PDB file of N, CA and C in Angstrom:
ATOM      1  N   MET A   1      92.610 108.428  96.741  1.00  0.00           N
ATOM      2  CA  MET A   1      91.575 109.483  96.721  1.00  0.00           C
ATOM      3  C   MET A   1      91.116 109.596  95.365  1.00  0.00           C
ATOM      4  N   GLN A   2      89.828 109.612  95.177  1.00  0.00           N
ATOM      5  CA  GLN A   2      89.109 109.675  93.856  1.00  0.00           C
ATOM      6  C   GLN A   2      88.798 111.075  93.664  1.00  0.00           C
ATOM      7  N   ILE A   3      89.096 111.831  92.501  1.00  0.00           N
ATOM      8  CA  ILE A   3      88.796 113.038  92.058  1.00  0.00           C
ATOM      9  C   ILE A   3      87.592 113.016  91.093  1.00  0.00           C
ATOM     10  N   ASP A   4      86.343 113.333  91.722  1.00  0.00           N
ATOM     11  CA  ASP A   4      85.164 113.147  90.987  1.00  0.00           C
ATOM     12  C   ASP A   4      84.402 114.421  91.015  1.00  0.00           C
ATOM     13  N   ASP A   5      83.297 114.560  90.393  1.00  0.00           N
ATOM     14  CA  ASP A   5      82.386 115.741  90.333  1.00  0.00           C
ATOM     15  C   ASP A   5      81.955 116.172  91.746  1.00  0.00           C
ATOM     16  N   ALA A   6      81.722 115.127  92.567  1.00  0.00           N
ATOM     17  CA  ALA A   6      81.247 115.542  93.912  1.00  0.00           C
ATOM     18  C   ALA A   6      82.338 116.200  94.743  1.00  0.00           C
ATOM     19  N   LEU A   7      83.602 115.880  94.643  1.00  0.00           N
ATOM     20  CA  LEU A   7      84.653 116.570  95.117  1.00  0.00           C
ATOM     21  C   LEU A   7      84.804 117.869  94.659  1.00  0.00           C
ATOM     22  N   ILE A   8      84.748 118.058  93.485  1.00  0.00           N
ATOM     23  CA  ILE A   8      85.054 119.408  92.727  1.00  0.00           C
ATOM     24  C   ILE A   8      83.875 120.219  93.246  1.00  0.00           C
ATOM     25  N   ASP A   9      82.577 119.827  93.333  1.00  0.00           N
ATOM     26  CA  ASP A   9      81.394 120.562  93.844  1.00  0.00           C
ATOM     27  C   ASP A   9      81.596 121.112  95.226  1.00  0.00           C
ATOM     28  N   HIS A  10      82.176 120.040  96.005  1.00  0.00           N
ATOM     29  CA  HIS A  10      82.499 120.450  97.461  1.00  0.00           C
ATOM     30  C   HIS A  10      83.531 121.543  97.585  1.00  0.00           C
ATOM     31  N   LEU A  11      84.731 121.322  96.746  1.00  0.00           N
ATOM     32  CA  LEU A  11      85.698 122.410  96.842  1.00  0.00           C
ATOM     33  C   LEU A  11      85.254 123.735  96.224  1.00  0.00           C
ATOM     34  N   SER A  12      84.377 123.667  95.247  1.00  0.00           N
ATOM     35  CA  SER A  12      83.766 124.883  94.688  1.00  0.00           C
ATOM     36  C   SER A  12      82.932 125.504  95.897  1.00  0.00           C
ATOM     37  N   HIS A  13      82.248 124.799  96.467  1.00  0.00           N
ATOM     38  CA  HIS A  13      81.344 125.401  97.557  1.00  0.00           C
ATOM     39  C   HIS A  13      82.289 126.037  98.749  1.00  0.00           C
ATOM     40  N   LEU A  14      83.316 125.333  99.115  1.00  0.00           N
ATOM     41  CA  LEU A  14      84.261 125.815 100.160  1.00  0.00           C
ATOM     42  C   LEU A  14      84.835 127.142  99.850  1.00  0.00           C
ATOM     43  N   SER A  15      85.389 127.092  98.452  1.00  0.00           N
ATOM     44  CA  SER A  15      86.135 128.147  98.039  1.00  0.00           C
ATOM     45  C   SER A  15      85.335 129.313  97.420  1.00  0.00           C
ATOM     46  N   ARG A  16      83.970 129.077  97.503  1.00  0.00           N
ATOM     47  CA  ARG A  16      83.043 130.179  96.770  1.00  0.00           C
ATOM     48  C   ARG A  16      83.470 130.532  95.294  1.00  0.00           C
ATOM     49  N   LEU A  17      83.882 129.482  94.621  1.00  0.00           N
ATOM     50  CA  LEU A  17      84.431 129.615  93.212  1.00  0.00           C
ATOM     51  C   LEU A  17      83.461 128.676  92.328  1.00  0.00           C
ATOM     52  N   LYS A  18      83.340 129.085  91.185  1.00  0.00           N
ATOM     53  CA  LYS A  18      82.523 128.161  90.206  1.00  0.00           C
ATOM     54  C   LYS A  18      83.382 127.702  89.096  1.00  0.00           C
ATOM     55  N   PHE A  19      83.430 126.395  89.016  1.00  0.00           N
ATOM     56  CA  PHE A  19      84.187 125.793  87.927  1.00  0.00           C
ATOM     57  C   PHE A  19      83.217 125.125  86.977  1.00  0.00           C
ATOM     58  N   GLU A  20      83.198 125.398  85.699  1.00  0.00           N
ATOM     59  CA  GLU A  20      82.480 124.750  84.735  1.00  0.00           C
ATOM     60  C   GLU A  20      83.252 124.671  83.367  1.00  0.00           C
ATOM     61  N   GLY A  21      82.705 123.607  82.598  1.00  0.00           N
ATOM     62  CA  GLY A  21      83.317 123.280  81.348  1.00  0.00           C
ATOM     63  C   GLY A  21      84.686 122.800  81.361  1.00  0.00           C
ATOM     64  N   LYS A  22      85.646 123.499  80.600  1.00  0.00           N
ATOM     65  CA  LYS A  22      86.998 123.134  80.525  1.00  0.00           C
ATOM     66  C   LYS A  22      87.858 123.565  81.739  1.00  0.00           C
ATOM     67  N   ASP A  23      87.328 124.417  82.508  1.00  0.00           N
ATOM     68  CA  ASP A  23      88.077 124.829  83.747  1.00  0.00           C
ATOM     69  C   ASP A  23      87.815 123.780  84.701  1.00  0.00           C
ATOM     70  N   ARG A  24      86.598 123.186  84.835  1.00  0.00           N
ATOM     71  CA  ARG A  24      86.204 122.122  85.668  1.00  0.00           C
ATOM     72  C   ARG A  24      87.153 120.822  85.353  1.00  0.00           C
ATOM     73  N   GLU A  25      87.264 120.514  84.122  1.00  0.00           N
ATOM     74  CA  GLU A  25      88.212 119.398  83.722  1.00  0.00           C
ATOM     75  C   GLU A  25      89.503 119.622  84.014  1.00  0.00           C
ATOM     76  N   ASN A  26      90.031 120.879  83.645  1.00  0.00           N
ATOM     77  CA  ASN A  26      91.491 121.124  83.999  1.00  0.00           C
ATOM     78  C   ASN A  26      91.714 120.955  85.486  1.00  0.00           C
ATOM     79  N   LEU A  27      90.736 121.451  86.398  1.00  0.00           N
ATOM     80  CA  LEU A  27      90.962 121.206  87.895  1.00  0.00           C
ATOM     81  C   LEU A  27      90.920 119.875  88.214  1.00  0.00           C
ATOM     82  N   LYS A  28      89.998 119.088  87.762  1.00  0.00           N
ATOM     83  CA  LYS A  28      90.053 117.618  87.943  1.00  0.00           C
ATOM     84  C   LYS A  28      91.364 116.922  87.655  1.00  0.00           C
ATOM     85  N   ASN A  29      91.980 117.249  86.376  1.00  0.00           N
ATOM     86  CA  ASN A  29      93.158 116.824  85.879  1.00  0.00           C
ATOM     87  C   ASN A  29      94.360 117.138  86.888  1.00  0.00           C
ATOM     88  N   ASP A  30      94.349 118.471  87.301  1.00  0.00           N
ATOM     89  CA  ASP A  30      95.410 119.038  88.037  1.00  0.00           C
ATOM     90  C   ASP A  30      95.402 118.357  89.467  1.00  0.00           C
ATOM     91  N   LEU A  31      94.141 118.235  90.093  1.00  0.00           N
ATOM     92  CA  LEU A  31      94.169 117.671  91.342  1.00  0.00           C
ATOM     93  C   LEU A  31      94.395 115.991  91.266  1.00  0.00           C
ATOM     94  N   ASP A  32      94.103 115.495  90.250  1.00  0.00           N
ATOM     95  CA  ASP A  32      94.585 114.115  90.198  1.00  0.00           C
ATOM     96  C   ASP A  32      96.052 114.050  90.001  1.00  0.00           C
ATOM     97  N   LYS A  33      96.743 114.815  89.342  1.00  0.00           N
ATOM     98  CA  LYS A  33      98.069 114.757  89.233  1.00  0.00           C
ATOM     99  C   LYS A  33      98.846 115.216  90.632  1.00  0.00           C
ATOM    100  N   ILE A  34      98.202 116.059  91.353  1.00  0.00           N
ATOM    101  CA  ILE A  34      98.700 116.282  92.710  1.00  0.00           C
ATOM    102  C   ILE A  34      98.631 115.093  93.636  1.00  0.00           C
ATOM    103  N   VAL A  35      97.450 114.572  93.521  1.00  0.00           N
ATOM    104  CA  VAL A  35      97.316 113.245  94.365  1.00  0.00           C
ATOM    105  C   VAL A  35      98.134 112.190  94.030  1.00  0.00           C
ATOM    106  N   GLN A  36      98.437 111.874  92.709  1.00  0.00           N
ATOM    107  CA  GLN A  36      99.387 110.896  92.252  1.00  0.00           C
ATOM    108  C   GLN A  36     100.858 111.251  92.800  1.00  0.00           C
ATOM    109  N   PHE A  37     101.194 112.376  92.719  1.00  0.00           N
ATOM    110  CA  PHE A  37     102.439 112.899  93.132  1.00  0.00           C
ATOM    111  C   PHE A  37     102.695 112.706  94.661  1.00  0.00           C
ATOM    112  N   LEU A  38     101.606 113.065  95.429  1.00  0.00           N
ATOM    113  CA  LEU A  38     101.727 112.703  96.791  1.00  0.00           C
ATOM    114  C   LEU A  38     101.683 111.213  97.164  1.00  0.00           C
ATOM    115  N   GLN A  39     100.988 110.441  96.354  1.00  0.00           N
ATOM    116  CA  GLN A  39     101.066 108.976  96.587  1.00  0.00           C
ATOM    117  C   GLN A  39     102.478 108.367  96.347  1.00  0.00           C
ATOM    118  N   LYS A  40     103.093 108.950  95.304  1.00  0.00           N
ATOM    119  CA  LYS A  40     104.509 108.571  94.875  1.00  0.00           C
ATOM    120  C   LYS A  40     105.345 108.994  96.201  1.00  0.00           C
ATOM    121  N   LEU A  41     105.159 110.144  96.687  1.00  0.00           N
ATOM    122  CA  LEU A  41     106.134 110.441  97.826  1.00  0.00           C
ATOM    123  C   LEU A  41     105.960 109.414  99.079  1.00  0.00           C
ATOM    124  N   ASN A  42     104.762 108.991  99.141  1.00  0.00           N
ATOM    125  CA  ASN A  42     104.522 108.010 100.145  1.00  0.00           C
ATOM    126  C   ASN A  42     105.254 106.741  99.982  1.00  0.00           C
ATOM    127  N   GLU A  43     105.785 106.396  98.810  1.00  0.00           N
ATOM    128  CA  GLU A  43     106.526 105.238  98.479  1.00  0.00           C
ATOM    129  C   GLU A  43     107.957 105.418  99.066  1.00  0.00           C
ATOM    130  N   VAL A  44     108.512 106.719  99.252  1.00  0.00           N
ATOM    131  CA  VAL A  44     109.925 106.984  99.496  1.00  0.00           C
ATOM    132  C   VAL A  44     110.071 106.551 100.908  1.00  0.00           C
ATOM    133  N   ASP A  45     111.197 105.827 101.304  1.00  0.00           N
ATOM    134  CA  ASP A  45     111.618 105.509 102.576  1.00  0.00           C
ATOM    135  C   ASP A  45     112.104 106.594 103.329  1.00  0.00           C
ATOM    136  N   THR A  46     111.528 107.213 104.353  1.00  0.00           N
ATOM    137  CA  THR A  46     112.176 108.403 104.979  1.00  0.00           C
ATOM    138  C   THR A  46     112.309 107.995 106.531  1.00  0.00           C
ATOM    139  N   ASP A  47     112.496 106.680 106.837  1.00  0.00           N
ATOM    140  CA  ASP A  47     112.713 106.198 108.117  1.00  0.00           C
ATOM    141  C   ASP A  47     114.106 106.847 108.894  1.00  0.00           C
ATOM    142  N   HIS A  48     115.106 107.059 108.037  1.00  0.00           N
ATOM    143  CA  HIS A  48     116.401 107.545 108.497  1.00  0.00           C
ATOM    144  C   HIS A  48     116.573 108.968 108.129  1.00  0.00           C
ATOM    145  N   VAL A  49     115.576 109.607 107.749  1.00  0.00           N
ATOM    146  CA  VAL A  49     115.858 111.006 107.369  1.00  0.00           C
ATOM    147  C   VAL A  49     115.441 112.002 108.524  1.00  0.00           C
ATOM    148  N   GLU A  50     116.361 112.881 108.820  1.00  0.00           N
ATOM    149  CA  GLU A  50     115.912 113.835 109.848  1.00  0.00           C
ATOM    150  C   GLU A  50     115.051 114.773 109.424  1.00  0.00           C
ATOM    151  N   PRO A  51     114.121 115.372 110.258  1.00  0.00           N
ATOM    152  CA  PRO A  51     113.237 116.421 109.673  1.00  0.00           C
ATOM    153  C   PRO A  51     114.073 117.699 109.449  1.00  0.00           C
ATOM    154  N   LEU A  52     113.645 118.496 108.355  1.00  0.00           N
ATOM    155  CA  LEU A  52     114.422 119.676 108.098  1.00  0.00           C
ATOM    156  C   LEU A  52     113.638 120.825 108.620  1.00  0.00           C
ATOM    157  N   ILE A  53     114.426 121.491 109.471  1.00  0.00           N
ATOM    158  CA  ILE A  53     113.924 122.486 110.195  1.00  0.00           C
ATOM    159  C   ILE A  53     114.277 123.899 109.522  1.00  0.00           C
ATOM    160  N   PHE A  54     115.588 124.022 109.152  1.00  0.00           N
ATOM    161  CA  PHE A  54     115.904 125.150 108.371  1.00  0.00           C
ATOM    162  C   PHE A  54     116.512 124.638 107.069  1.00  0.00           C
ATOM    163  N   MET A  55     116.392 125.537 105.993  1.00  0.00           N
ATOM    164  CA  MET A  55     116.837 125.312 104.834  1.00  0.00           C
ATOM    165  C   MET A  55     118.294 125.150 104.433  1.00  0.00           C
ATOM    166  N   SER A  56     119.093 125.876 105.417  1.00  0.00           N
ATOM    167  CA  SER A  56     120.598 125.834 105.308  1.00  0.00           C
ATOM    168  C   SER A  56     121.075 125.970 106.730  1.00  0.00           C
ATOM    169  N   GLN A  57     122.495 125.870 106.652  1.00  0.00           N
ATOM    170  CA  GLN A  57     123.071 125.825 108.040  1.00  0.00           C
ATOM    171  C   GLN A  57     123.589 127.195 108.596  1.00  0.00           C
ATOM    172  N   GLU A  58     123.349 128.225 107.505  1.00  0.00           N
ATOM    173  CA  GLU A  58     123.658 129.642 107.854  1.00  0.00           C
ATOM    174  C   GLU A  58     122.814 130.180 108.973  1.00  0.00           C
ATOM    175  N   VAL A  59     123.508 130.979 109.735  1.00  0.00           N
ATOM    176  CA  VAL A  59     122.933 131.530 110.949  1.00  0.00           C
ATOM    177  C   VAL A  59     122.910 133.070 110.650  1.00  0.00           C
ATOM    178  N   ASN A  60     121.729 133.625 110.970  1.00  0.00           N
ATOM    179  CA  ASN A  60     121.639 135.179 110.826  1.00  0.00           C
ATOM    180  C   ASN A  60     122.458 135.800 111.883  1.00  0.00           C
ATOM    181  N   PHE A  61     123.193 136.777 111.483  1.00  0.00           N
ATOM    182  CA  PHE A  61     123.938 137.569 112.469  1.00  0.00           C
ATOM    183  C   PHE A  61     123.312 139.006 112.444  1.00  0.00           C
ATOM    184  N   LEU A  62     122.632 139.314 113.513  1.00  0.00           N
ATOM    185  CA  LEU A  62     121.851 140.583 113.490  1.00  0.00           C
ATOM    186  C   LEU A  62     122.700 141.539 114.212  1.00  0.00           C
ATOM    187  N   ARG A  63     122.568 142.845 113.789  1.00  0.00           N
ATOM    188  CA  ARG A  63     123.351 143.920 114.292  1.00  0.00           C
ATOM    189  C   ARG A  63     122.656 144.440 115.605  1.00  0.00           C
ATOM    190  N   LYS A  64     123.403 144.935 116.577  1.00  0.00           N
ATOM    191  CA  LYS A  64     122.894 145.536 117.616  1.00  0.00           C
ATOM    192  C   LYS A  64     121.969 146.849 117.346  1.00  0.00           C
ATOM    193  N   ASP A  65     121.010 147.013 118.052  1.00  0.00           N
ATOM    194  CA  ASP A  65     120.227 148.417 117.774  1.00  0.00           C
ATOM    195  C   ASP A  65     120.887 149.369 118.427  1.00  0.00           C
ATOM    196  N   GLU A  66     121.530 150.270 117.808  1.00  0.00           N
ATOM    197  CA  GLU A  66     122.357 151.381 118.342  1.00  0.00           C
ATOM    198  C   GLU A  66     121.722 152.724 117.703  1.00  0.00           C
ATOM    199  N   ILE A  67     121.680 153.772 118.452  1.00  0.00           N
ATOM    200  CA  ILE A  67     121.265 155.009 118.168  1.00  0.00           C
ATOM    201  C   ILE A  67     122.463 155.632 117.440  1.00  0.00           C
ATOM    202  N   SER A  68     122.353 155.917 116.067  1.00  0.00           N
ATOM    203  CA  SER A  68     123.295 156.465 115.307  1.00  0.00           C
ATOM    204  C   SER A  68     123.284 157.959 115.078  1.00  0.00           C
ATOM    205  N   SER A  69     121.921 158.476 115.189  1.00  0.00           N
ATOM    206  CA  SER A  69     121.918 159.997 115.116  1.00  0.00           C
ATOM    207  C   SER A  69     120.575 160.374 115.684  1.00  0.00           C
ATOM    208  N   GLU A  70     120.485 161.349 116.317  1.00  0.00           N
ATOM    209  CA  GLU A  70     119.242 161.769 117.075  1.00  0.00           C
ATOM    210  C   GLU A  70     118.865 163.251 116.466  1.00  0.00           C
ATOM    211  N   ILE A  71     117.611 163.456 116.308  1.00  0.00           N
ATOM    212  CA  ILE A  71     117.231 164.938 116.063  1.00  0.00           C
ATOM    213  C   ILE A  71     116.458 165.458 117.270  1.00  0.00           C
ATOM    214  N   THR A  72     116.467 166.793 117.272  1.00  0.00           N
ATOM    215  CA  THR A  72     115.765 167.318 118.528  1.00  0.00           C
ATOM    216  C   THR A  72     114.360 167.520 117.991  1.00  0.00           C
ATOM    217  N   LYS A  73     113.558 167.855 119.090  1.00  0.00           N
ATOM    218  CA  LYS A  73     112.070 168.098 118.867  1.00  0.00           C
ATOM    219  C   LYS A  73     112.008 169.228 117.937  1.00  0.00           C
ATOM    220  N   SER A  74     112.677 170.486 118.087  1.00  0.00           N
ATOM    221  CA  SER A  74     112.603 171.256 117.200  1.00  0.00           C
ATOM    222  C   SER A  74     112.875 171.135 115.891  1.00  0.00           C
ATOM    223  N   GLU A  75     113.897 170.304 115.695  1.00  0.00           N
ATOM    224  CA  GLU A  75     114.242 169.783 114.177  1.00  0.00           C
ATOM    225  C   GLU A  75     113.250 168.967 113.552  1.00  0.00           C
ATOM    226  N   ALA A  76     112.618 168.119 114.454  1.00  0.00           N
ATOM    227  CA  ALA A  76     111.435 167.238 113.807  1.00  0.00           C
ATOM    228  C   ALA A  76     110.357 168.264 113.471  1.00  0.00           C
ATOM    229  N   LEU A  77     110.113 169.203 114.213  1.00  0.00           N
ATOM    230  CA  LEU A  77     108.832 170.032 114.037  1.00  0.00           C
ATOM    231  C   LEU A  77     109.085 170.884 112.710  1.00  0.00           C
ATOM    232  N   LEU A  78     110.236 171.009 112.442  1.00  0.00           N
ATOM    233  CA  LEU A  78     110.613 171.917 111.065  1.00  0.00           C
ATOM    234  C   LEU A  78     110.013 171.301 109.844  1.00  0.00           C
ATOM    235  N   ASN A  79     109.753 169.921 109.944  1.00  0.00           N
ATOM    236  CA  ASN A  79     109.140 169.287 108.913  1.00  0.00           C
ATOM    237  C   ASN A  79     107.622 169.191 108.841  1.00  0.00           C
ATOM    238  N   ALA A  80     107.018 169.515 109.905  1.00  0.00           N
ATOM    239  CA  ALA A  80     105.557 169.448 110.136  1.00  0.00           C
ATOM    240  C   ALA A  80     104.907 170.432 109.389  1.00  0.00           C
ATOM    241  N   PRO A  81     103.722 169.895 108.605  1.00  0.00           N
ATOM    242  CA  PRO A  81     103.049 170.930 107.896  1.00  0.00           C
ATOM    243  C   PRO A  81     102.252 171.831 108.837  1.00  0.00           C
ATOM    244  N   LYS A  82     101.736 171.244 110.019  1.00  0.00           N
ATOM    245  CA  LYS A  82     101.167 172.091 110.969  1.00  0.00           C
ATOM    246  C   LYS A  82     101.684 171.742 112.264  1.00  0.00           C
ATOM    247  N   LYS A  83     101.905 172.738 113.215  1.00  0.00           N
ATOM    248  CA  LYS A  83     102.360 172.438 114.433  1.00  0.00           C
ATOM    249  C   LYS A  83     101.914 173.254 115.495  1.00  0.00           C
ATOM    250  N   ASP A  84     101.831 172.936 116.722  1.00  0.00           N
ATOM    251  CA  ASP A  84     101.250 173.617 117.857  1.00  0.00           C
ATOM    252  C   ASP A  84     102.055 173.639 118.991  1.00  0.00           C
ATOM    253  N   SER A  85     102.918 174.616 119.287  1.00  0.00           N
ATOM    254  CA  SER A  85     104.027 174.788 120.131  1.00  0.00           C
ATOM    255  C   SER A  85     104.958 173.566 119.951  1.00  0.00           C
ATOM    256  N   ASP A  86     104.799 172.511 120.836  1.00  0.00           N
ATOM    257  CA  ASP A  86     105.749 171.405 120.841  1.00  0.00           C
ATOM    258  C   ASP A  86     105.149 170.090 120.251  1.00  0.00           C
ATOM    259  N   TYR A  87     104.024 170.215 119.495  1.00  0.00           N
ATOM    260  CA  TYR A  87     103.287 169.042 119.035  1.00  0.00           C
ATOM    261  C   TYR A  87     102.933 169.221 117.404  1.00  0.00           C
ATOM    262  N   PHE A  88     102.874 168.045 116.701  1.00  0.00           N
ATOM    263  CA  PHE A  88     102.280 168.008 115.483  1.00  0.00           C
ATOM    264  C   PHE A  88     100.883 168.106 115.543  1.00  0.00           C
ATOM    265  N   ARG A  89     100.270 168.914 114.600  1.00  0.00           N
ATOM    266  CA  ARG A  89      98.727 169.025 114.639  1.00  0.00           C
ATOM    267  C   ARG A  89      98.336 168.217 113.387  1.00  0.00           C
ATOM    268  N   VAL A  90      97.164 167.521 113.694  1.00  0.00           N
ATOM    269  CA  VAL A  90      96.726 166.574 112.743  1.00  0.00           C
ATOM    270  C   VAL A  90      95.179 166.671 112.726  1.00  0.00           C
ATOM    271  N   SER A  91      94.351 166.365 111.761  1.00  0.00           N
ATOM    272  CA  SER A  91      92.958 166.586 111.696  1.00  0.00           C
ATOM    273  C   SER A  91      92.509 165.591 112.843  1.00  0.00           C
ATOM    274  N   LYS A  92      91.304 165.775 113.170  1.00  0.00           N
ATOM    275  CA  LYS A  92      90.540 164.959 113.999  1.00  0.00           C
ATOM    276  C   LYS A  92      90.213 163.688 113.363  1.00  0.00           C
ATOM    277  N   VAL A  93      90.324 162.536 113.895  1.00  0.00           N
ATOM    278  CA  VAL A  93      89.866 161.296 113.458  1.00  0.00           C
ATOM    279  C   VAL A  93      88.785 160.747 114.293  1.00  0.00           C
ATOM    280  N   ARG A  94      87.572 160.578 113.684  1.00  0.00           N
ATOM    281  CA  ARG A  94      86.446 160.153 114.403  1.00  0.00           C
ATOM    282  C   ARG A  94      85.830 159.009 113.513  1.00  0.00           C
ATOM    283  N   GLY A  95      85.147 158.004 114.033  1.00  0.00           N
ATOM    284  CA  GLY A  95      84.428 157.047 113.474  1.00  0.00           C
ATOM    285  C   GLY A  95      83.948 155.996 114.385  1.00  0.00           C
ATOM    286  N   LYS A  96      82.781 155.257 113.932  1.00  0.00           N
ATOM    287  CA  LYS A  96      82.161 154.386 114.722  1.00  0.00           C
ATOM    288  C   LYS A  96      83.196 153.103 114.689  1.00  0.00           C
ATOM    289  N   HIS A  97      83.228 152.456 115.691  1.00  0.00           N
ATOM    290  CA  HIS A  97      83.788 151.173 115.789  1.00  0.00           C
ATOM    291  C   HIS A  97      82.889 150.148 115.569  1.00  0.00           C
ATOM    292  N   ASN A  98      83.016 149.328 114.577  1.00  0.00           N
ATOM    293  CA  ASN A  98      82.095 148.275 114.264  1.00  0.00           C
ATOM    294  C   ASN A  98      82.798 146.938 114.566  1.00  0.00           C
ATOM    295  N   ALA A  99      82.410 146.461 115.805  1.00  0.00           N
ATOM    296  CA  ALA A  99      82.874 145.119 116.269  1.00  0.00           C
ATOM    297  C   ALA A  99      81.914 144.028 116.021  1.00  0.00           C
TER     298      ALA A  99
END
């Protein structure tokens, strides 16, 4: 793959970024190094290499979800800035839905 000005212009358009002067040359050099590295990887024989699905053989042991402590409705309402009998009071939320 050839890294040229046309490719940089195309990538600039796609990313909505503007590269000029030294930034443009640095980008061309960096992309060229990336392409050279990927071409080098293509030279490696991977015929007998299994695909890597997980980074290690470790297994996550997850704990069970168990209720450890509960609070009553009245205890929860003690922390409410505003309450109305058995409910939290909040300000009205209104707005147009822009879809």
